[in-house]
Every structure is written in C-alpha cells, then in structure tokens.
C-alpha cells in the first residue's frame, strides 16, 4: 500500500467515524431545535402582548438580549 493510499484509507475511516457520530446525535439536535423554536415563539408572542408590532417583535427576537 502506498503512502497516499494509506492516508486516503485513514481519511475515509475518519470521515465515516464522524458521520456515525453525527447520526447518533441527530435526534438530540432535532429536539434542541424544537425547543429553541418554541422559545423564540414564546418571546415573539410576549413582545406582541406588550404592545410591539409584529415587525418590531420579530426584530427584537432576532437580536440577542444583552
């Protein structure tokens, strides 16, 4: 096996291991995204309830709180 072929094989194995790890963590990432979406919606609705326009509420939700 040449040095180039050996490196390619190792790189392929590394990529496969990374892909396997991402696949294992994917359900948790989906749950986290759903929670974050709900939090954004709660914040948006609270801004509307406090009298901001929908446009203002959207802008406020896009900017991180200090």
PDB file of N, CA and C in Angstrom:
ATOM      1  N   UNK A   1       0.850  -1.168   0.000  1.00  0.00           N
ATOM      2  CA  UNK A   1       0.000   0.000   0.000  1.00  0.00           C
ATOM      3  C   UNK A   1       0.901   1.238   0.000  1.00  0.00           C
ATOM      4  N   UNK A   2       0.623   2.158  -0.904  1.00  0.00           N
ATOM      5  CA  UNK A   2       1.431   3.372  -0.973  1.00  0.00           C
ATOM      6  C   UNK A   2       1.036   4.314   0.163  1.00  0.00           C
ATOM      7  N   UNK A   3       1.898   5.277   0.426  1.00  0.00           N
ATOM      8  CA  UNK A   3       1.653   6.250   1.482  1.00  0.00           C
ATOM      9  C   UNK A   3       0.374   7.044   1.197  1.00  0.00           C
ATOM     10  N   UNK A   4       0.158   7.387  -0.069  1.00  0.00           N
ATOM     11  CA  UNK A   4      -1.032   8.137  -0.465  1.00  0.00           C
ATOM     12  C   UNK A   4      -2.294   7.307  -0.253  1.00  0.00           C
ATOM     13  N   UNK A   5      -2.245   6.049  -0.622  1.00  0.00           N
ATOM     14  CA  UNK A   5      -3.390   5.162  -0.437  1.00  0.00           C
ATOM     15  C   UNK A   5      -3.676   4.966   1.041  1.00  0.00           C
ATOM     16  N   UNK A   6      -2.622   4.834   1.837  1.00  0.00           N
ATOM     17  CA  UNK A   6      -2.794   4.672   3.283  1.00  0.00           C
ATOM     18  C   UNK A   6      -3.465   5.885   3.904  1.00  0.00           C
ATOM     19  N   UNK A   7      -3.029   7.091   3.506  1.00  0.00           N
ATOM     20  CA  UNK A   7      -3.652   8.320   4.020  1.00  0.00           C
ATOM     21  C   UNK A   7      -5.106   8.419   3.594  1.00  0.00           C
ATOM     22  N   UNK A   8      -5.396   8.048   2.362  1.00  0.00           N
ATOM     23  CA  UNK A   8      -6.772   8.104   1.865  1.00  0.00           C
ATOM     24  C   UNK A   8      -7.666   7.147   2.654  1.00  0.00           C
ATOM     25  N   UNK A   9      -7.135   5.968   2.968  1.00  0.00           N
ATOM     26  CA  UNK A   9      -7.892   4.985   3.747  1.00  0.00           C
ATOM     27  C   UNK A   9      -8.159   5.513   5.154  1.00  0.00           C
ATOM     28  N   UNK A  10      -7.140   6.102   5.775  1.00  0.00           N
ATOM     29  CA  UNK A  10      -7.303   6.664   7.123  1.00  0.00           C
ATOM     30  C   UNK A  10      -8.299   7.816   7.101  1.00  0.00           C
ATOM     31  N   UNK A  11      -8.188   8.694   6.097  1.00  0.00           N
ATOM     32  CA  UNK A  11      -9.129   9.811   5.987  1.00  0.00           C
ATOM     33  C   UNK A  11     -10.557   9.320   5.794  1.00  0.00           C
ATOM     34  N   UNK A  12     -10.732   8.297   5.000  1.00  0.00           N
ATOM     35  CA  UNK A  12     -12.070   7.726   4.788  1.00  0.00           C
ATOM     36  C   UNK A  12     -12.627   7.168   6.084  1.00  0.00           C
ATOM     37  N   UNK A  13     -11.786   6.509   6.861  1.00  0.00           N
ATOM     38  CA  UNK A  13     -12.221   5.956   8.146  1.00  0.00           C
ATOM     39  C   UNK A  13     -12.593   7.069   9.114  1.00  0.00           C
ATOM     40  N   UNK A  14     -11.823   8.158   9.116  1.00  0.00           N
ATOM     41  CA  UNK A  14     -12.128   9.296   9.987  1.00  0.00           C
ATOM     42  C   UNK A  14     -13.469   9.923   9.608  1.00  0.00           C
ATOM     43  N   UNK A  15     -13.677  10.095   8.313  1.00  0.00           N
ATOM     44  CA  UNK A  15     -14.937  10.667   7.837  1.00  0.00           C
ATOM     45  C   UNK A  15     -16.106   9.763   8.202  1.00  0.00           C
ATOM     46  N   UNK A  16     -15.943   8.468   8.050  1.00  0.00           N
ATOM     47  CA  UNK A  16     -17.006   7.523   8.402  1.00  0.00           C
ATOM     48  C   UNK A  16     -17.320   7.594   9.893  1.00  0.00           C
ATOM     49  N   UNK A  17     -16.288   7.723  10.737  1.00  0.00           N
ATOM     50  CA  UNK A  17     -16.495   7.814  12.183  1.00  0.00           C
ATOM     51  C   UNK A  17     -17.233   9.098  12.547  1.00  0.00           C
ATOM     52  N   UNK A  18     -16.872  10.197  11.893  1.00  0.00           N
ATOM     53  CA  UNK A  18     -17.555  11.469  12.147  1.00  0.00           C
ATOM     54  C   UNK A  18     -19.017  11.374  11.727  1.00  0.00           C
ATOM     55  N   UNK A  19     -19.275  10.792  10.574  1.00  0.00           N
ATOM     56  CA  UNK A  19     -20.655  10.632  10.098  1.00  0.00           C
ATOM     57  C   UNK A  19     -21.474   9.765  11.045  1.00  0.00           C
ATOM     58  N   UNK A  20     -20.877   8.703  11.557  1.00  0.00           N
ATOM     59  CA  UNK A  20     -21.567   7.844  12.518  1.00  0.00           C
ATOM     60  C   UNK A  20     -21.923   8.620  13.780  1.00  0.00           C
ATOM     61  N   UNK A  21     -20.995   9.446  14.266  1.00  0.00           N
ATOM     62  CA  UNK A  21     -21.246  10.226  15.478  1.00  0.00           C
ATOM     63  C   UNK A  21     -22.355  11.253  15.256  1.00  0.00           C
ATOM     64  N   UNK A  22     -22.344  11.905  14.105  1.00  0.00           N
ATOM     65  CA  UNK A  22     -23.391  12.877  13.780  1.00  0.00           C
ATOM     66  C   UNK A  22     -24.743  12.173  13.722  1.00  0.00           C
ATOM     67  N   UNK A  23     -24.790  11.015  13.108  1.00  0.00           N
ATOM     68  CA  UNK A  23     -26.042  10.264  13.013  1.00  0.00           C
ATOM     69  C   UNK A  23     -26.573   9.887  14.388  1.00  0.00           C
ATOM     70  N   UNK A  24     -25.679   9.556  15.319  1.00  0.00           N
ATOM     71  CA  UNK A  24     -26.104   9.207  16.682  1.00  0.00           C
ATOM     72  C   UNK A  24     -26.656  10.412  17.422  1.00  0.00           C
ATOM     73  N   UNK A  25     -26.111  11.593  17.151  1.00  0.00           N
ATOM     74  CA  UNK A  25     -26.521  12.803  17.862  1.00  0.00           C
ATOM     75  C   UNK A  25     -27.686  13.528  17.195  1.00  0.00           C
ATOM     76  N   UNK A  26     -28.042  13.147  15.999  1.00  0.00           N
ATOM     77  CA  UNK A  26     -29.079  13.841  15.238  1.00  0.00           C
ATOM     78  C   UNK A  26     -30.408  13.964  15.983  1.00  0.00           C
ATOM     79  N   UNK A  27     -30.953  12.911  16.600  1.00  0.00           N
ATOM     80  CA  UNK A  27     -32.232  13.063  17.310  1.00  0.00           C
ATOM     81  C   UNK A  27     -32.172  14.131  18.405  1.00  0.00           C
ATOM     82  N   UNK A  28     -31.086  14.191  19.124  1.00  0.00           N
ATOM     83  CA  UNK A  28     -30.941  15.208  20.158  1.00  0.00           C
ATOM     84  C   UNK A  28     -30.897  16.608  19.574  1.00  0.00           C
ATOM     85  N   UNK A  29     -30.256  16.761  18.427  1.00  0.00           N
ATOM     86  CA  UNK A  29     -30.192  18.064  17.761  1.00  0.00           C
ATOM     87  C   UNK A  29     -31.574  18.497  17.282  1.00  0.00           C
ATOM     88  N   UNK A  30     -32.362  17.540  16.819  1.00  0.00           N
ATOM     89  CA  UNK A  30     -33.728  17.848  16.377  1.00  0.00           C
ATOM     90  C   UNK A  30     -34.561  18.315  17.565  1.00  0.00           C
ATOM     91  N   UNK A  31     -34.426  17.653  18.702  1.00  0.00           N
ATOM     92  CA  UNK A  31     -35.154  18.069  19.904  1.00  0.00           C
ATOM     93  C   UNK A  31     -34.715  19.452  20.356  1.00  0.00           C
ATOM     94  N   UNK A  32     -33.426  19.720  20.333  1.00  0.00           N
ATOM     95  CA  UNK A  32     -32.909  21.021  20.726  1.00  0.00           C
ATOM     96  C   UNK A  32     -33.443  22.114  19.812  1.00  0.00           C
ATOM     97  N   UNK A  33     -33.482  21.866  18.530  1.00  0.00           N
ATOM     98  CA  UNK A  33     -34.008  22.852  17.580  1.00  0.00           C
ATOM     99  C   UNK A  33     -35.479  23.141  17.851  1.00  0.00           C
ATOM    100  N   UNK A  34     -36.242  22.112  18.191  1.00  0.00           N
ATOM    101  CA  UNK A  34     -37.667  22.296  18.500  1.00  0.00           C
ATOM    102  C   UNK A  34     -37.839  23.152  19.752  1.00  0.00           C
ATOM    103  N   UNK A  35     -37.009  22.922  20.753  1.00  0.00           N
ATOM    104  CA  UNK A  35     -37.074  23.713  21.986  1.00  0.00           C
ATOM    105  C   UNK A  35     -36.705  25.167  21.692  1.00  0.00           C
ATOM    106  N   UNK A  36     -35.663  25.373  20.914  1.00  0.00           N
ATOM    107  CA  UNK A  36     -35.258  26.726  20.567  1.00  0.00           C
ATOM    108  C   UNK A  36     -36.357  27.449  19.788  1.00  0.00           C
ATOM    109  N   UNK A  37     -37.017  26.752  18.889  1.00  0.00           N
ATOM    110  CA  UNK A  37     -38.112  27.351  18.120  1.00  0.00           C
ATOM    111  C   UNK A  37     -39.254  27.764  19.041  1.00  0.00           C
ATOM    112  N   UNK A  38     -39.577  26.896  20.007  1.00  0.00           N
ATOM    113  CA  UNK A  38     -40.646  27.240  20.961  1.00  0.00           C
ATOM    114  C   UNK A  38     -40.259  28.469  21.785  1.00  0.00           C
ATOM    115  N   UNK A  39     -39.003  28.548  22.193  1.00  0.00           N
ATOM    116  CA  UNK A  39     -38.539  29.696  22.981  1.00  0.00           C
ATOM    117  C   UNK A  39     -38.638  30.987  22.160  1.00  0.00           C
ATOM    118  N   UNK A  40     -38.281  30.918  20.887  1.00  0.00           N
ATOM    119  CA  UNK A  40     -38.401  32.094  20.023  1.00  0.00           C
ATOM    120  C   UNK A  40     -39.867  32.510  19.890  1.00  0.00           C
ATOM    121  N   UNK A  41     -40.741  31.525  19.751  1.00  0.00           N
ATOM    122  CA  UNK A  41     -42.167  31.838  19.619  1.00  0.00           C
ATOM    123  C   UNK A  41     -42.722  32.455  20.892  1.00  0.00           C
ATOM    124  N   UNK A  42     -42.313  31.937  22.046  1.00  0.00           N
ATOM    125  CA  UNK A  42     -42.742  32.495  23.333  1.00  0.00           C
ATOM    126  C   UNK A  42     -42.290  33.952  23.441  1.00  0.00           C
ATOM    127  N   UNK A  43     -41.043  34.220  23.055  1.00  0.00           N
ATOM    128  CA  UNK A  43     -40.514  35.581  23.107  1.00  0.00           C
ATOM    129  C   UNK A  43     -41.277  36.494  22.150  1.00  0.00           C
ATOM    130  N   UNK A  44     -41.513  36.033  20.951  1.00  0.00           N
ATOM    131  CA  UNK A  44     -42.253  36.816  19.961  1.00  0.00           C
ATOM    132  C   UNK A  44     -43.648  37.154  20.477  1.00  0.00           C
ATOM    133  N   UNK A  45     -44.356  36.140  20.962  1.00  0.00           N
ATOM    134  CA  UNK A  45     -45.715  36.358  21.480  1.00  0.00           C
ATOM    135  C   UNK A  45     -45.715  37.321  22.664  1.00  0.00           C
ATOM    136  N   UNK A  46     -44.705  37.236  23.536  1.00  0.00           N
ATOM    137  CA  UNK A  46     -44.615  38.137  24.687  1.00  0.00           C
ATOM    138  C   UNK A  46     -44.411  39.583  24.229  1.00  0.00           C
ATOM    139  N   UNK A  47     -43.593  39.778  23.212  1.00  0.00           N
ATOM    140  CA  UNK A  47     -43.395  41.132  22.694  1.00  0.00           C
ATOM    141  C   UNK A  47     -44.693  41.693  22.116  1.00  0.00           C
ATOM    142  N   UNK A  48     -45.419  40.890  21.394  1.00  0.00           N
ATOM    143  CA  UNK A  48     -46.706  41.321  20.831  1.00  0.00           C
ATOM    144  C   UNK A  48     -47.658  41.693  21.974  1.00  0.00           C
ATOM    145  N   UNK A  49     -47.715  40.853  22.992  1.00  0.00           N
ATOM    146  CA  UNK A  49     -48.600  41.095  24.137  1.00  0.00           C
ATOM    147  C   UNK A  49     -48.242  42.408  24.840  1.00  0.00           C
ATOM    148  N   UNK A  50     -46.978  42.765  24.835  1.00  0.00           N
ATOM    149  CA  UNK A  50     -46.523  44.003  25.474  1.00  0.00           C
ATOM    150  C   UNK A  50     -46.715  45.234  24.591  1.00  0.00           C
ATOM    151  N   UNK A  51     -47.252  45.042  23.380  1.00  0.00           N
ATOM    152  CA  UNK A  51     -47.605  46.176  22.543  1.00  0.00           C
ATOM    153  C   UNK A  51     -46.703  46.450  21.355  1.00  0.00           C
ATOM    154  N   UNK A  52     -45.695  45.610  21.140  1.00  0.00           N
ATOM    155  CA  UNK A  52     -44.851  45.795  19.970  1.00  0.00           C
ATOM    156  C   UNK A  52     -45.593  45.326  18.726  1.00  0.00           C
ATOM    157  N   UNK A  53     -45.260  45.937  17.590  1.00  0.00           N
ATOM    158  CA  UNK A  53     -45.848  45.475  16.335  1.00  0.00           C
ATOM    159  C   UNK A  53     -45.205  44.139  15.976  1.00  0.00           C
ATOM    160  N   UNK A  54     -45.829  43.377  15.093  1.00  0.00           N
ATOM    161  CA  UNK A  54     -45.200  42.116  14.669  1.00  0.00           C
ATOM    162  C   UNK A  54     -43.790  42.328  14.103  1.00  0.00           C
ATOM    163  N   UNK A  55     -43.602  43.391  13.346  1.00  0.00           N
ATOM    164  CA  UNK A  55     -42.282  43.665  12.780  1.00  0.00           C
ATOM    165  C   UNK A  55     -41.252  43.961  13.879  1.00  0.00           C
ATOM    166  N   UNK A  56     -41.662  44.784  14.862  1.00  0.00           N
ATOM    167  CA  UNK A  56     -40.765  45.099  15.971  1.00  0.00           C
ATOM    168  C   UNK A  56     -40.444  43.843  16.783  1.00  0.00           C
ATOM    169  N   UNK A  57     -41.464  43.037  17.029  1.00  0.00           N
ATOM    170  CA  UNK A  57     -41.261  41.803  17.798  1.00  0.00           C
ATOM    171  C   UNK A  57     -40.288  40.877  17.092  1.00  0.00           C
ATOM    172  N   UNK A  58     -40.414  40.786  15.786  1.00  0.00           N
ATOM    173  CA  UNK A  58     -39.514  39.931  15.021  1.00  0.00           C
ATOM    174  C   UNK A  58     -38.072  40.417  15.133  1.00  0.00           C
ATOM    175  N   UNK A  59     -37.878  41.727  14.991  1.00  0.00           N
ATOM    176  CA  UNK A  59     -36.530  42.284  15.102  1.00  0.00           C
ATOM    177  C   UNK A  59     -35.970  42.031  16.495  1.00  0.00           C
ATOM    178  N   UNK A  60     -36.773  42.239  17.525  1.00  0.00           N
ATOM    179  CA  UNK A  60     -36.324  42.019  18.889  1.00  0.00           C
ATOM    180  C   UNK A  60     -35.956  40.547  19.140  1.00  0.00           C
ATOM    181  N   UNK A  61     -36.678  39.655  18.538  1.00  0.00           N
ATOM    182  CA  UNK A  61     -36.395  38.229  18.716  1.00  0.00           C
ATOM    183  C   UNK A  61     -35.133  37.796  17.962  1.00  0.00           C
ATOM    184  N   UNK A  62     -34.762  38.554  16.962  1.00  0.00           N
ATOM    185  CA  UNK A  62     -33.587  38.203  16.181  1.00  0.00           C
ATOM    186  C   UNK A  62     -32.302  38.664  16.853  1.00  0.00           C
ATOM    187  N   UNK A  63     -32.399  39.665  17.730  1.00  0.00           N
ATOM    188  CA  UNK A  63     -31.216  40.196  18.396  1.00  0.00           C
ATOM    189  C   UNK A  63     -31.070  39.544  19.763  1.00  0.00           C
ATOM    190  N   UNK A  64     -29.868  39.105  20.101  1.00  0.00           N
ATOM    191  CA  UNK A  64     -29.675  38.516  21.426  1.00  0.00           C
ATOM    192  C   UNK A  64     -29.835  39.569  22.520  1.00  0.00           C
ATOM    193  N   UNK A  65     -30.384  39.152  23.639  1.00  0.00           N
ATOM    194  CA  UNK A  65     -30.546  40.062  24.777  1.00  0.00           C
ATOM    195  C   UNK A  65     -29.176  40.386  25.360  1.00  0.00           C
ATOM    196  N   UNK A  66     -29.010  41.626  25.854  1.00  0.00           N
ATOM    197  CA  UNK A  66     -27.697  41.996  26.429  1.00  0.00           C
ATOM    198  C   UNK A  66     -27.390  41.257  27.705  1.00  0.00           C
TER     199      UNK A  66
END
